[in-house]
Amino acid sequence: MAADTSVLKVLLTVELAEHILSYLPFQDLVQAELVCRAWRDIIQWSSHTRQGLFLEPTTHHLSVAYRSESKLRKPWQYRSLNIMRYIETYTIAVLHPYLEFDSIRERRGLTAFTFNWEKALSLRPEGRWRNMFITQPPCRNVKVEYQVGVPNALFTGRTRISESKGVQLGLMVDTIRELLAHPGDHGDLQPMPTATPADGREYPQGAWFERLDCYIDGFISETAAFTLASKAAESARKPRPMNLE
């Protein structure tokens, strides 16, 4: 009994509980709020746990710098004093659990991620999720490319979601709702031939997404960062051209 009491005292001590809770992943933090009022208050007011819930921006981040070999194929470029213009730097981002990195659709300088818009549109309209950043550290711009299907037509377009303090889930979902409600009002839309949903279902009213691709600029996943680091290490082992002048 004494041991149980000691454990309880530790878990209810604000500083110790905050330290322990700050190591929990997102979903465990959400569940921990239901344990007791004391934990809920700590999680809702502690900066560390709020960062874990994507409600406050992280104050530090890791970056990876990568020298593209394709830009350094000429020997004299190694002598350039402006060598930093050949270096690409990416911030290693943690993506909100509602999103997922998509390595297949990645482009040069753009990191792709998938967005479960069907789940997002079913969320409670005024929930806390609206104020959660989509990445940690927060990204300021998201590029969206899409195909919206409507009865007897299919439109393709692109738009950008921007917020100086960081793009949040609420802003992103609002943009997607607007795309579905008014598919002809955003981006450079081009009508395409008559189409039906890929799964054969009929949509007599409204619109649906045939494709929704999202990209963030300057951010990279941990997996992609490891890949770049491996390439950099391999490149460092290669012999460099010598300038005999």
C-alpha atoms as a PDB file:
ATOM      1  CA  MET A   1       0.000   0.000   0.000  1.00  0.00           C
ATOM      2  CA  ALA A   2       2.850   2.384   0.861  1.00  0.00           C
ATOM      3  CA  ALA A   3       4.451   1.714  -2.523  1.00  0.00           C
ATOM      4  CA  ASP A   4       1.183   2.451  -4.323  1.00  0.00           C
ATOM      5  CA  THR A   5       0.853   5.703  -2.385  1.00  0.00           C
ATOM      6  CA  SER A   6       4.383   6.740  -3.361  1.00  0.00           C
ATOM      7  CA  VAL A   7       3.699   6.055  -7.031  1.00  0.00           C
ATOM      8  CA  LEU A   8       0.473   8.056  -6.817  1.00  0.00           C
ATOM      9  CA  LYS A   9       2.311  10.997  -5.254  1.00  0.00           C
ATOM     10  CA  VAL A  10       4.845  10.947  -8.077  1.00  0.00           C
ATOM     11  CA  LEU A  11       2.182  10.816 -10.774  1.00  0.00           C
ATOM     12  CA  LEU A  12       0.259  13.680  -9.180  1.00  0.00           C
ATOM     13  CA  THR A  13       3.300  15.901  -8.641  1.00  0.00           C
ATOM     14  CA  VAL A  14       2.943  18.498 -11.366  1.00  0.00           C
ATOM     15  CA  GLU A  15       6.607  18.785 -12.375  1.00  0.00           C
ATOM     16  CA  LEU A  16       7.221  15.028 -12.419  1.00  0.00           C
ATOM     17  CA  ALA A  17       3.941  14.239 -14.151  1.00  0.00           C
ATOM     18  CA  GLU A  18       4.635  16.881 -16.793  1.00  0.00           C
ATOM     19  CA  HIS A  19       8.093  15.416 -17.424  1.00  0.00           C
ATOM     20  CA  ILE A  20       6.688  11.893 -17.829  1.00  0.00           C
ATOM     21  CA  LEU A  21       3.725  12.945 -19.971  1.00  0.00           C
ATOM     22  CA  SER A  22       5.931  14.995 -22.294  1.00  0.00           C
ATOM     23  CA  TYR A  23       7.448  11.746 -23.629  1.00  0.00           C
ATOM     24  CA  LEU A  24       4.099  10.269 -24.659  1.00  0.00           C
ATOM     25  CA  PRO A  25       3.146  10.160 -28.355  1.00  0.00           C
ATOM     26  CA  PHE A  26       0.107  12.026 -29.637  1.00  0.00           C
ATOM     27  CA  GLN A  27      -2.542   9.312 -29.231  1.00  0.00           C
ATOM     28  CA  ASP A  28      -1.352   8.366 -25.737  1.00  0.00           C
ATOM     29  CA  LEU A  29      -1.531  12.024 -24.690  1.00  0.00           C
ATOM     30  CA  VAL A  30      -5.129  12.209 -25.870  1.00  0.00           C
ATOM     31  CA  GLN A  31      -5.991   9.112 -23.823  1.00  0.00           C
ATOM     32  CA  ALA A  32      -4.018  10.321 -20.788  1.00  0.00           C
ATOM     33  CA  GLU A  33      -6.295  13.357 -20.555  1.00  0.00           C
ATOM     34  CA  LEU A  34      -9.103  10.967 -19.622  1.00  0.00           C
ATOM     35  CA  VAL A  35      -7.247   9.455 -16.645  1.00  0.00           C
ATOM     36  CA  CYS A  36      -7.940  12.221 -14.146  1.00  0.00           C
ATOM     37  CA  ARG A  37      -8.544  15.944 -13.894  1.00  0.00           C
ATOM     38  CA  ALA A  38      -5.000  16.629 -12.683  1.00  0.00           C
ATOM     39  CA  TRP A  39      -3.451  15.022 -15.763  1.00  0.00           C
ATOM     40  CA  ARG A  40      -5.918  16.740 -18.048  1.00  0.00           C
ATOM     41  CA  ASP A  41      -5.002  20.134 -16.597  1.00  0.00           C
ATOM     42  CA  ILE A  42      -1.274  19.421 -16.941  1.00  0.00           C
ATOM     43  CA  ILE A  43      -1.620  18.274 -20.552  1.00  0.00           C
ATOM     44  CA  GLN A  44      -3.792  21.223 -21.516  1.00  0.00           C
ATOM     45  CA  TRP A  45      -1.531  23.875 -19.976  1.00  0.00           C
ATOM     46  CA  SER A  46       2.003  22.489 -20.259  1.00  0.00           C
ATOM     47  CA  SER A  47       3.955  23.791 -23.254  1.00  0.00           C
ATOM     48  CA  HIS A  48       5.739  20.449 -23.651  1.00  0.00           C
ATOM     49  CA  THR A  49       2.552  18.393 -23.864  1.00  0.00           C
ATOM     50  CA  ARG A  50       0.807  21.003 -25.992  1.00  0.00           C
ATOM     51  CA  GLN A  51       3.687  20.730 -28.442  1.00  0.00           C
ATOM     52  CA  GLY A  52       3.135  16.964 -28.450  1.00  0.00           C
ATOM     53  CA  LEU A  53      -0.499  17.636 -29.332  1.00  0.00           C
ATOM     54  CA  PHE A  54       0.587  19.998 -32.153  1.00  0.00           C
ATOM     55  CA  LEU A  55      -1.143  22.903 -30.370  1.00  0.00           C
ATOM     56  CA  GLU A  56       2.047  24.916 -29.791  1.00  0.00           C
ATOM     57  CA  PRO A  57       5.019  25.205 -32.138  1.00  0.00           C
ATOM     58  CA  THR A  58       8.224  23.448 -31.180  1.00  0.00           C
ATOM     59  CA  THR A  59      11.029  25.839 -30.318  1.00  0.00           C
ATOM     60  CA  HIS A  60      13.798  23.756 -31.886  1.00  0.00           C
ATOM     61  CA  HIS A  61      14.191  21.588 -34.944  1.00  0.00           C
ATOM     62  CA  LEU A  62      16.706  19.486 -36.829  1.00  0.00           C
ATOM     63  CA  SER A  63      17.788  20.129 -40.396  1.00  0.00           C
ATOM     64  CA  VAL A  64      19.670  18.155 -42.995  1.00  0.00           C
ATOM     65  CA  ALA A  65      21.921  19.728 -45.630  1.00  0.00           C
ATOM     66  CA  TYR A  66      22.482  17.914 -48.897  1.00  0.00           C
ATOM     67  CA  ARG A  67      24.900  18.751 -51.679  1.00  0.00           C
ATOM     68  CA  SER A  68      23.401  17.690 -54.982  1.00  0.00           C
ATOM     69  CA  GLU A  69      26.009  15.905 -57.121  1.00  0.00           C
ATOM     70  CA  SER A  70      24.053  16.861 -60.236  1.00  0.00           C
ATOM     71  CA  LYS A  71      24.881  20.507 -59.521  1.00  0.00           C
ATOM     72  CA  LEU A  72      28.578  19.857 -58.960  1.00  0.00           C
ATOM     73  CA  ARG A  73      29.666  17.944 -62.031  1.00  0.00           C
ATOM     74  CA  LYS A  74      32.200  20.489 -63.271  1.00  0.00           C
ATOM     75  CA  PRO A  75      35.557  20.519 -61.475  1.00  0.00           C
ATOM     76  CA  TRP A  76      35.899  24.297 -61.310  1.00  0.00           C
ATOM     77  CA  GLN A  77      32.672  24.570 -59.338  1.00  0.00           C
ATOM     78  CA  TYR A  78      34.517  23.212 -56.299  1.00  0.00           C
ATOM     79  CA  ARG A  79      36.519  26.453 -56.174  1.00  0.00           C
ATOM     80  CA  SER A  80      33.431  28.655 -56.057  1.00  0.00           C
ATOM     81  CA  LEU A  81      33.250  30.895 -52.989  1.00  0.00           C
ATOM     82  CA  ASN A  82      29.480  30.752 -53.297  1.00  0.00           C
ATOM     83  CA  ILE A  83      29.410  27.011 -52.672  1.00  0.00           C
ATOM     84  CA  MET A  84      26.338  27.331 -50.399  1.00  0.00           C
ATOM     85  CA  ARG A  85      24.145  27.897 -53.420  1.00  0.00           C
ATOM     86  CA  TYR A  86      24.719  24.243 -54.269  1.00  0.00           C
ATOM     87  CA  ILE A  87      23.555  23.112 -50.840  1.00  0.00           C
ATOM     88  CA  GLU A  88      19.929  22.140 -50.276  1.00  0.00           C
ATOM     89  CA  THR A  89      18.701  22.374 -46.683  1.00  0.00           C
ATOM     90  CA  TYR A  90      15.549  20.699 -45.396  1.00  0.00           C
ATOM     91  CA  THR A  91      13.884  20.844 -41.997  1.00  0.00           C
ATOM     92  CA  ILE A  92      13.076  17.426 -40.558  1.00  0.00           C
ATOM     93  CA  ALA A  93       9.355  17.516 -39.856  1.00  0.00           C
ATOM     94  CA  VAL A  94       7.056  15.445 -37.685  1.00  0.00           C
ATOM     95  CA  LEU A  95       3.707  15.065 -39.405  1.00  0.00           C
ATOM     96  CA  HIS A  96       0.404  15.175 -37.533  1.00  0.00           C
ATOM     97  CA  PRO A  97      -0.980  11.626 -37.039  1.00  0.00           C
ATOM     98  CA  TYR A  98      -3.977  12.483 -39.243  1.00  0.00           C
ATOM     99  CA  LEU A  99      -1.524  12.861 -42.143  1.00  0.00           C
ATOM    100  CA  GLU A 100       1.049  10.535 -43.681  1.00  0.00           C
ATOM    101  CA  PHE A 101       4.183  11.115 -45.731  1.00  0.00           C
ATOM    102  CA  ASP A 102       3.900   9.889 -49.324  1.00  0.00           C
ATOM    103  CA  SER A 103       7.348   9.040 -50.679  1.00  0.00           C
ATOM    104  CA  ILE A 104       5.923   7.876 -54.024  1.00  0.00           C
ATOM    105  CA  ARG A 105       4.667  11.340 -54.979  1.00  0.00           C
ATOM    106  CA  GLU A 106       7.677  13.303 -53.719  1.00  0.00           C
ATOM    107  CA  ARG A 107       9.160  15.857 -56.097  1.00  0.00           C
ATOM    108  CA  ARG A 108      12.391  17.768 -56.210  1.00  0.00           C
ATOM    109  CA  GLY A 109      12.343  20.100 -53.211  1.00  0.00           C
ATOM    110  CA  LEU A 110       8.744  19.201 -52.332  1.00  0.00           C
ATOM    111  CA  THR A 111       7.716  16.619 -49.734  1.00  0.00           C
ATOM    112  CA  ALA A 112       4.379  14.951 -50.391  1.00  0.00           C
ATOM    113  CA  PHE A 113       1.858  13.773 -47.830  1.00  0.00           C
ATOM    114  CA  THR A 114      -1.559  12.165 -47.972  1.00  0.00           C
ATOM    115  CA  PHE A 115      -4.592  13.557 -46.222  1.00  0.00           C
ATOM    116  CA  ASN A 116      -7.581  11.451 -45.201  1.00  0.00           C
ATOM    117  CA  TRP A 117     -10.107  14.066 -46.214  1.00  0.00           C
ATOM    118  CA  GLU A 118     -13.104  11.762 -45.691  1.00  0.00           C
ATOM    119  CA  LYS A 119     -12.142  11.349 -42.028  1.00  0.00           C
ATOM    120  CA  ALA A 120     -11.345  15.043 -41.691  1.00  0.00           C
ATOM    121  CA  LEU A 121     -14.721  16.132 -43.017  1.00  0.00           C
ATOM    122  CA  SER A 122     -16.424  13.925 -40.420  1.00  0.00           C
ATOM    123  CA  LEU A 123     -14.661  15.550 -37.449  1.00  0.00           C
ATOM    124  CA  ARG A 124     -16.613  17.655 -34.974  1.00  0.00           C
ATOM    125  CA  PRO A 125     -16.769  21.136 -36.579  1.00  0.00           C
ATOM    126  CA  GLU A 126     -15.531  23.086 -33.543  1.00  0.00           C
ATOM    127  CA  GLY A 127     -13.124  20.599 -31.968  1.00  0.00           C
ATOM    128  CA  ARG A 128      -9.666  21.286 -30.580  1.00  0.00           C
ATOM    129  CA  TRP A 129      -8.168  19.594 -33.651  1.00  0.00           C
ATOM    130  CA  ARG A 130      -8.790  22.784 -35.648  1.00  0.00           C
ATOM    131  CA  ASN A 131      -5.937  24.548 -33.824  1.00  0.00           C
ATOM    132  CA  MET A 132      -3.418  21.730 -34.304  1.00  0.00           C
ATOM    133  CA  PHE A 133      -0.500  22.338 -36.661  1.00  0.00           C
ATOM    134  CA  ILE A 134      -0.128  19.868 -39.501  1.00  0.00           C
ATOM    135  CA  THR A 135       3.630  19.574 -38.840  1.00  0.00           C
ATOM    136  CA  GLN A 136       6.142  20.173 -36.082  1.00  0.00           C
ATOM    137  CA  PRO A 137       7.842  22.542 -36.512  1.00  0.00           C
ATOM    138  CA  PRO A 138       4.928  24.298 -38.253  1.00  0.00           C
ATOM    139  CA  CYS A 139       5.101  24.775 -42.013  1.00  0.00           C
ATOM    140  CA  ARG A 140       3.807  28.015 -43.512  1.00  0.00           C
ATOM    141  CA  ASN A 141       2.764  26.845 -46.959  1.00  0.00           C
ATOM    142  CA  VAL A 142       1.029  23.802 -48.403  1.00  0.00           C
ATOM    143  CA  LYS A 143       0.609  23.251 -52.122  1.00  0.00           C
ATOM    144  CA  VAL A 144      -2.504  21.293 -53.092  1.00  0.00           C
ATOM    145  CA  GLU A 145      -3.127  19.648 -56.460  1.00  0.00           C
ATOM    146  CA  TYR A 146      -6.424  17.905 -57.033  1.00  0.00           C
ATOM    147  CA  GLN A 147      -9.039  16.488 -59.329  1.00  0.00           C
ATOM    148  CA  VAL A 148     -12.629  17.150 -58.322  1.00  0.00           C
ATOM    149  CA  GLY A 149     -15.407  15.118 -59.851  1.00  0.00           C
ATOM    150  CA  VAL A 150     -18.896  16.521 -60.306  1.00  0.00           C
ATOM    151  CA  PRO A 151     -21.823  15.005 -62.198  1.00  0.00           C
ATOM    152  CA  ASN A 152     -20.807  14.674 -65.875  1.00  0.00           C
ATOM    153  CA  ALA A 153     -17.445  16.407 -65.434  1.00  0.00           C
ATOM    154  CA  LEU A 154     -14.025  16.190 -63.850  1.00  0.00           C
ATOM    155  CA  PHE A 155     -11.964  19.259 -62.944  1.00  0.00           C
ATOM    156  CA  THR A 156      -8.296  19.549 -62.144  1.00  0.00           C
ATOM    157  CA  GLY A 157      -6.673  22.443 -60.322  1.00  0.00           C
ATOM    158  CA  ARG A 158      -4.196  23.645 -57.762  1.00  0.00           C
ATOM    159  CA  THR A 159      -4.197  26.018 -54.824  1.00  0.00           C
ATOM    160  CA  ARG A 160      -1.955  27.055 -51.957  1.00  0.00           C
ATOM    161  CA  ILE A 161      -2.708  27.168 -48.238  1.00  0.00           C
ATOM    162  CA  SER A 162      -0.596  29.778 -46.447  1.00  0.00           C
ATOM    163  CA  GLU A 163      -0.369  30.949 -42.845  1.00  0.00           C
ATOM    164  CA  SER A 164       2.571  32.895 -41.391  1.00  0.00           C
ATOM    165  CA  LYS A 165       2.203  31.282 -37.945  1.00  0.00           C
ATOM    166  CA  GLY A 166       1.899  27.785 -39.387  1.00  0.00           C
ATOM    167  CA  VAL A 167      -0.808  25.898 -41.272  1.00  0.00           C
ATOM    168  CA  GLN A 168      -3.333  24.266 -38.942  1.00  0.00           C
ATOM    169  CA  LEU A 169      -5.728  21.392 -39.560  1.00  0.00           C
ATOM    170  CA  GLY A 170      -8.751  23.683 -39.327  1.00  0.00           C
ATOM    171  CA  LEU A 171      -7.538  25.915 -42.159  1.00  0.00           C
ATOM    172  CA  MET A 172      -6.694  22.890 -44.270  1.00  0.00           C
ATOM    173  CA  VAL A 173     -10.076  21.222 -43.752  1.00  0.00           C
ATOM    174  CA  ASP A 174     -11.899  24.497 -44.453  1.00  0.00           C
ATOM    175  CA  THR A 175      -9.998  24.806 -47.735  1.00  0.00           C
ATOM    176  CA  ILE A 176     -10.880  21.246 -48.713  1.00  0.00           C
ATOM    177  CA  ARG A 177     -14.539  21.780 -47.832  1.00  0.00           C
ATOM    178  CA  GLU A 178     -14.515  24.862 -50.039  1.00  0.00           C
ATOM    179  CA  LEU A 179     -12.920  22.933 -52.901  1.00  0.00           C
ATOM    180  CA  LEU A 180     -15.707  20.381 -52.778  1.00  0.00           C
ATOM    181  CA  ALA A 181     -18.473  22.954 -52.377  1.00  0.00           C
ATOM    182  CA  HIS A 182     -17.228  25.237 -55.163  1.00  0.00           C
ATOM    183  CA  PRO A 183     -14.787  23.277 -57.338  1.00  0.00           C
ATOM    184  CA  GLY A 184     -14.704  25.982 -60.009  1.00  0.00           C
ATOM    185  CA  ASP A 185     -13.680  28.855 -57.745  1.00  0.00           C
ATOM    186  CA  HIS A 186     -10.103  27.858 -56.867  1.00  0.00           C
ATOM    187  CA  GLY A 187      -6.866  27.604 -58.752  1.00  0.00           C
ATOM    188  CA  ASP A 188      -6.431  27.130 -62.477  1.00  0.00           C
ATOM    189  CA  LEU A 189      -9.207  24.669 -63.119  1.00  0.00           C
ATOM    190  CA  GLN A 190      -9.422  22.811 -66.394  1.00  0.00           C
ATOM    191  CA  PRO A 191     -12.522  20.787 -67.294  1.00  0.00           C
ATOM    192  CA  MET A 192     -11.812  17.208 -68.290  1.00  0.00           C
ATOM    193  CA  PRO A 193     -13.902  14.592 -70.126  1.00  0.00           C
ATOM    194  CA  THR A 194     -16.948  13.081 -68.470  1.00  0.00           C
ATOM    195  CA  ALA A 195     -15.921  10.684 -65.720  1.00  0.00           C
ATOM    196  CA  THR A 196     -17.354   8.546 -62.939  1.00  0.00           C
ATOM    197  CA  PRO A 197     -15.777   7.682 -59.590  1.00  0.00           C
ATOM    198  CA  ALA A 198     -13.124   4.984 -59.805  1.00  0.00           C
ATOM    199  CA  ASP A 199     -15.078   2.614 -57.560  1.00  0.00           C
ATOM    200  CA  GLY A 200     -18.177   2.815 -59.755  1.00  0.00           C
ATOM    201  CA  ARG A 201     -20.409   4.511 -57.179  1.00  0.00           C
ATOM    202  CA  GLU A 202     -22.902   7.084 -58.383  1.00  0.00           C
ATOM    203  CA  TYR A 203     -22.884  10.652 -57.106  1.00  0.00           C
ATOM    204  CA  PRO A 204     -26.114  12.274 -58.306  1.00  0.00           C
ATOM    205  CA  GLN A 205     -25.365  15.415 -56.286  1.00  0.00           C
ATOM    206  CA  GLY A 206     -22.301  17.138 -54.882  1.00  0.00           C
ATOM    207  CA  ALA A 207     -18.662  16.516 -55.687  1.00  0.00           C
ATOM    208  CA  TRP A 208     -15.909  14.064 -54.812  1.00  0.00           C
ATOM    209  CA  PHE A 209     -12.122  13.947 -54.984  1.00  0.00           C
ATOM    210  CA  GLU A 210     -10.597  11.749 -57.637  1.00  0.00           C
ATOM    211  CA  ARG A 211      -7.155  12.843 -56.461  1.00  0.00           C
ATOM    212  CA  LEU A 212      -5.820  15.053 -53.674  1.00  0.00           C
ATOM    213  CA  ASP A 213      -2.042  15.583 -53.508  1.00  0.00           C
ATOM    214  CA  CYS A 214      -0.467  17.821 -50.870  1.00  0.00           C
ATOM    215  CA  TYR A 215       3.115  19.117 -50.766  1.00  0.00           C
ATOM    216  CA  ILE A 216       5.200  21.105 -48.287  1.00  0.00           C
ATOM    217  CA  ASP A 217       8.305  23.022 -49.314  1.00  0.00           C
ATOM    218  CA  GLY A 218      11.557  22.856 -47.359  1.00  0.00           C
ATOM    219  CA  PHE A 219      10.439  20.051 -45.036  1.00  0.00           C
ATOM    220  CA  ILE A 220      11.410  16.400 -45.117  1.00  0.00           C
ATOM    221  CA  SER A 221      10.499  13.194 -43.290  1.00  0.00           C
ATOM    222  CA  GLU A 222      12.938  11.418 -40.971  1.00  0.00           C
ATOM    223  CA  THR A 223      13.118   8.522 -43.435  1.00  0.00           C
ATOM    224  CA  ALA A 224      13.961  10.818 -46.337  1.00  0.00           C
ATOM    225  CA  ALA A 225      16.510  12.645 -44.176  1.00  0.00           C
ATOM    226  CA  PHE A 226      18.224   9.338 -43.447  1.00  0.00           C
ATOM    227  CA  THR A 227      18.307   8.600 -47.181  1.00  0.00           C
ATOM    228  CA  LEU A 228      19.934  11.965 -47.926  1.00  0.00           C
ATOM    229  CA  ALA A 229      22.436  11.464 -45.117  1.00  0.00           C
ATOM    230  CA  SER A 230      23.343   8.061 -46.561  1.00  0.00           C
ATOM    231  CA  LYS A 231      23.848   9.610 -49.999  1.00  0.00           C
ATOM    232  CA  ALA A 232      26.014  12.332 -48.490  1.00  0.00           C
ATOM    233  CA  ALA A 233      28.155   9.749 -46.682  1.00  0.00           C
ATOM    234  CA  GLU A 234      28.542   7.727 -49.865  1.00  0.00           C
ATOM    235  CA  SER A 235      29.434  10.864 -51.808  1.00  0.00           C
ATOM    236  CA  ALA A 236      32.069  11.804 -49.233  1.00  0.00           C
ATOM    237  CA  ARG A 237      33.868   8.533 -49.877  1.00  0.00           C
ATOM    238  CA  LYS A 238      34.165   9.202 -53.609  1.00  0.00           C
ATOM    239  CA  PRO A 239      37.436  10.749 -54.896  1.00  0.00           C
ATOM    240  CA  ARG A 240      37.180  14.438 -55.776  1.00  0.00           C
ATOM    241  CA  PRO A 241      38.519  15.973 -59.001  1.00  0.00           C
ATOM    242  CA  MET A 242      41.824  17.760 -58.441  1.00  0.00           C
ATOM    243  CA  ASN A 243      42.597  21.217 -59.690  1.00  0.00           C
ATOM    244  CA  LEU A 244      46.282  21.369 -60.713  1.00  0.00           C
ATOM    245  CA  GLU A 245      46.322  25.059 -61.593  1.00  0.00           C
END
